[in-house]
N, C-alpha and C. Protein backbone atom coordinates (compact mmCIF):
# COMPACT_ATOMS: atom_id res chain seq x y z
N MET A 1 95.70 67.70 103.09
CA MET A 1 95.04 68.56 103.75
C MET A 1 93.72 69.46 103.14
N ILE A 2 93.59 69.60 101.88
CA ILE A 2 92.41 70.01 101.34
C ILE A 2 91.18 68.78 101.53
N VAL A 3 91.22 67.63 101.65
CA VAL A 3 90.54 67.10 101.66
C VAL A 3 90.05 67.45 103.02
N LEU A 4 90.34 68.16 104.02
CA LEU A 4 89.96 67.83 105.32
C LEU A 4 89.14 68.99 105.20
N TYR A 5 89.73 70.13 104.25
CA TYR A 5 88.60 71.28 104.40
C TYR A 5 87.23 71.36 103.54
N VAL A 6 87.48 70.04 102.60
CA VAL A 6 86.55 69.76 101.74
C VAL A 6 85.56 69.39 103.11
N LEU A 7 85.69 68.12 103.41
CA LEU A 7 84.89 67.26 104.80
C LEU A 7 84.32 68.25 105.41
N LEU A 8 85.30 69.15 106.26
CA LEU A 8 84.53 70.13 107.04
C LEU A 8 83.74 71.20 106.38
N ALA A 9 83.58 71.45 105.32
CA ALA A 9 82.83 72.36 104.26
C ALA A 9 81.47 71.56 104.54
N LEU A 10 81.71 69.93 103.83
CA LEU A 10 80.39 69.30 103.65
C LEU A 10 79.57 69.24 104.94
N ALA A 11 80.52 68.89 106.28
CA ALA A 11 80.02 68.19 107.60
C ALA A 11 79.01 70.04 107.51
N ALA A 12 79.95 71.10 107.54
CA ALA A 12 78.90 72.80 107.83
C ALA A 12 78.05 72.38 107.34
N PHE A 13 77.91 72.40 105.91
CA PHE A 13 76.92 72.14 105.08
C PHE A 13 75.90 71.47 105.20
N LEU A 14 76.19 69.93 105.76
CA LEU A 14 74.86 68.91 106.12
C LEU A 14 74.24 69.69 107.92
N VAL A 15 74.96 70.27 108.81
CA VAL A 15 74.38 70.64 109.83
C VAL A 15 73.83 71.85 109.69
N ILE A 16 73.89 73.04 108.69
CA ILE A 16 73.09 74.25 108.47
C ILE A 16 71.77 73.73 107.79
N SER A 17 71.98 72.93 107.05
CA SER A 17 70.78 72.06 106.22
C SER A 17 69.91 71.42 107.03
N TYR A 18 70.54 70.91 107.77
CA TYR A 18 69.26 70.25 108.84
C TYR A 18 68.39 71.08 109.33
N PHE A 19 69.60 72.05 109.85
CA PHE A 19 68.34 73.14 111.07
C PHE A 19 67.62 74.06 110.53
N VAL A 20 68.20 74.18 109.04
CA VAL A 20 67.22 75.63 108.19
C VAL A 20 65.76 74.66 107.98
N ALA A 21 66.06 73.35 107.18
CA ALA A 21 65.23 72.14 107.09
C ALA A 21 64.12 72.12 108.44
N LYS A 22 64.51 71.81 109.40
CA LYS A 22 63.66 72.28 110.93
C LYS A 22 63.12 73.09 110.63
N GLU A 23 63.19 74.25 110.37
CA GLU A 23 62.63 75.30 110.81
C GLU A 23 61.84 75.56 109.73
N PHE A 24 62.22 74.86 108.51
CA PHE A 24 61.14 75.04 107.46
C PHE A 24 59.86 73.85 107.64
N TYR A 25 60.17 73.08 108.33
CA TYR A 25 59.03 71.85 108.52
C TYR A 25 58.31 72.73 109.95
N LYS A 26 58.55 73.07 110.77
CA LYS A 26 58.11 73.94 111.71
C LYS A 26 56.91 75.03 110.63
N ALA A 27 57.46 75.74 110.19
CA ALA A 27 56.77 76.61 109.23
C ALA A 27 55.68 75.71 108.55
N ALA A 28 55.77 74.78 107.83
CA ALA A 28 54.70 73.63 106.98
C ALA A 28 53.96 73.27 108.07
N VAL A 29 54.25 72.79 109.46
CA VAL A 29 53.48 72.36 110.65
C VAL A 29 52.52 73.41 110.82
N ALA A 30 53.10 74.25 111.31
CA ALA A 30 52.06 75.87 111.01
C ALA A 30 51.02 76.21 110.48
N ARG A 31 51.76 75.70 109.07
CA ARG A 31 50.74 75.99 107.93
C ARG A 31 49.43 75.18 108.41
N GLY A 32 49.50 74.27 108.80
CA GLY A 32 48.37 72.76 108.55
C GLY A 32 48.79 71.61 107.74
N TRP A 33 50.52 71.85 107.10
CA TRP A 33 50.65 70.97 107.02
C TRP A 33 52.30 69.99 107.22
N PRO A 34 51.26 68.93 108.40
CA PRO A 34 52.34 68.15 109.49
C PRO A 34 53.07 66.70 108.64
N HIS A 35 53.59 67.02 107.57
CA HIS A 35 53.89 66.17 106.89
C HIS A 35 55.24 65.71 106.65
N LYS A 36 55.84 64.56 107.12
CA LYS A 36 57.96 64.82 107.12
C LYS A 36 58.47 65.05 106.01
N LYS A 37 57.51 64.79 104.86
CA LYS A 37 58.32 64.67 103.33
C LYS A 37 59.06 66.49 103.16
N TYR A 38 58.06 67.52 104.06
CA TYR A 38 58.48 69.21 104.12
C TYR A 38 59.91 68.85 104.34
N PHE A 39 60.05 68.41 105.24
CA PHE A 39 61.69 68.49 105.75
C PHE A 39 62.25 67.85 105.20
N TRP A 40 62.08 66.91 104.61
CA TRP A 40 62.92 65.98 103.57
C TRP A 40 63.39 66.70 102.45
N LEU A 41 62.08 67.51 101.51
CA LEU A 41 63.06 68.31 100.78
C LEU A 41 63.32 69.31 100.87
N CYS A 42 63.12 69.92 102.03
CA CYS A 42 64.28 70.99 102.09
C CYS A 42 65.80 70.56 102.57
N PHE A 43 65.42 69.66 103.01
CA PHE A 43 67.12 68.93 103.49
C PHE A 43 68.03 68.83 102.13
N LEU A 44 67.27 67.78 101.57
CA LEU A 44 67.24 67.11 99.99
C LEU A 44 67.84 68.18 99.25
N LEU A 45 66.89 68.89 98.92
CA LEU A 45 66.57 69.96 97.72
C LEU A 45 66.49 71.38 98.30
N PRO A 46 67.16 72.18 99.09
CA PRO A 46 67.21 72.80 99.49
C PRO A 46 66.63 74.26 98.71
N PRO A 47 66.54 74.62 97.84
CA PRO A 47 66.29 76.24 97.19
C PRO A 47 64.77 75.89 96.95
N ALA A 48 64.52 74.71 96.21
CA ALA A 48 63.27 74.14 95.59
C ALA A 48 62.44 73.64 96.71
N GLY A 49 62.67 73.48 97.80
CA GLY A 49 62.13 72.63 99.32
C GLY A 49 61.41 74.34 99.78
N TYR A 50 62.40 74.78 99.67
CA TYR A 50 62.03 76.03 100.84
C TYR A 50 61.20 77.10 99.88
N LEU A 51 60.91 77.03 98.69
CA LEU A 51 60.25 77.78 97.76
C LEU A 51 58.59 76.54 98.13
N LEU A 52 58.79 75.69 97.97
CA LEU A 52 57.71 74.88 98.45
C LEU A 52 56.82 75.48 99.58
N VAL A 53 57.40 75.16 100.52
CA VAL A 53 57.16 75.49 101.63
C VAL A 53 56.43 76.73 101.74
N VAL A 54 57.33 77.84 101.01
CA VAL A 54 56.88 79.19 101.29
C VAL A 54 55.34 79.74 100.20
N ALA A 55 55.10 78.81 99.45
CA ALA A 55 54.11 78.44 98.80
C ALA A 55 52.89 77.90 99.43
N LEU A 56 53.38 77.11 99.88
CA LEU A 56 52.19 76.11 100.58
C LEU A 56 51.13 76.90 101.00
N PRO A 57 49.67 76.90 101.00
CA PRO A 57 48.67 77.39 101.32
C PRO A 57 47.97 77.16 102.44
N ASP A 58 47.72 77.80 103.34
CA ASP A 58 47.00 77.45 104.79
C ASP A 58 46.13 77.30 105.03
N ARG A 59 46.15 76.03 106.01
CA ARG A 59 45.10 74.95 105.65
C ARG A 59 44.55 75.57 107.47
N GLY A 60 45.09 76.38 108.37
CA GLY A 60 44.24 76.27 109.46
C GLY A 60 45.01 75.48 110.60
N GLY A 61 46.98 75.82 110.78
CA GLY A 61 47.39 74.70 111.80
C GLY A 61 47.30 74.93 112.95
N PRO A 62 47.97 74.25 113.70
CA PRO A 62 48.10 74.26 115.20
C PRO A 62 48.20 75.99 115.53
N ALA A 63 49.03 76.40 114.95
CA ALA A 63 50.11 77.75 115.16
C ALA A 63 48.84 79.15 114.48
N LEU A 64 48.00 79.19 114.38
CA LEU A 64 46.88 79.50 113.54
C LEU A 64 46.14 81.15 114.84
N GLY A 65 45.98 80.39 115.92
CA GLY A 65 45.01 81.11 117.23
C GLY A 65 46.37 82.13 117.38
N SER A 66 47.56 81.17 117.59
CA SER A 66 48.74 82.24 118.25
C SER A 66 49.30 83.48 117.86
N PHE A 67 48.95 84.06 116.81
CA PHE A 67 49.13 85.43 116.84
C PHE A 67 47.96 86.31 116.86
N VAL A 68 47.12 85.87 117.31
CA VAL A 68 45.73 87.09 117.51
C VAL A 68 45.98 87.27 119.39
N SER A 69 45.84 88.42 119.53
CA SER A 69 46.41 88.61 121.09
C SER A 69 44.47 89.16 121.60
N ASP A 70 44.45 88.82 122.63
CA ASP A 70 43.15 89.04 123.78
C ASP A 70 43.63 90.50 124.09
N ASP A 71 44.64 91.11 123.76
CA ASP A 71 44.92 92.35 124.31
C ASP A 71 44.57 93.57 123.99
N LEU A 72 43.74 93.00 122.00
CA LEU A 72 43.96 94.27 121.22
C LEU A 72 42.50 95.06 121.32
N PRO A 73 41.71 95.86 120.92
CA PRO A 73 40.88 96.68 121.57
C PRO A 73 40.02 96.25 120.21
N GLU A 74 38.84 96.35 120.48
CA GLU A 74 37.87 95.99 119.42
C GLU A 74 37.54 97.28 118.80
N LEU A 75 37.99 97.10 117.33
CA LEU A 75 37.72 98.28 116.02
C LEU A 75 36.10 98.28 115.59
């Protein structure tokens, strides 16, 4: 019975880790770093991979202009 709980916990950890790593990979791509290694670093080494993606410098990725609204008035 305990083996079943351990397997369910491991499966839940892998699924959650996959989705979190996918989001951190999207953040790395938005910063201009479109390498799959950032997904794998976040998936295989969660805390270190997360910190690495957070510390990446901005290289002007594709989502850079999406944060600027044309509706804002000129100052």
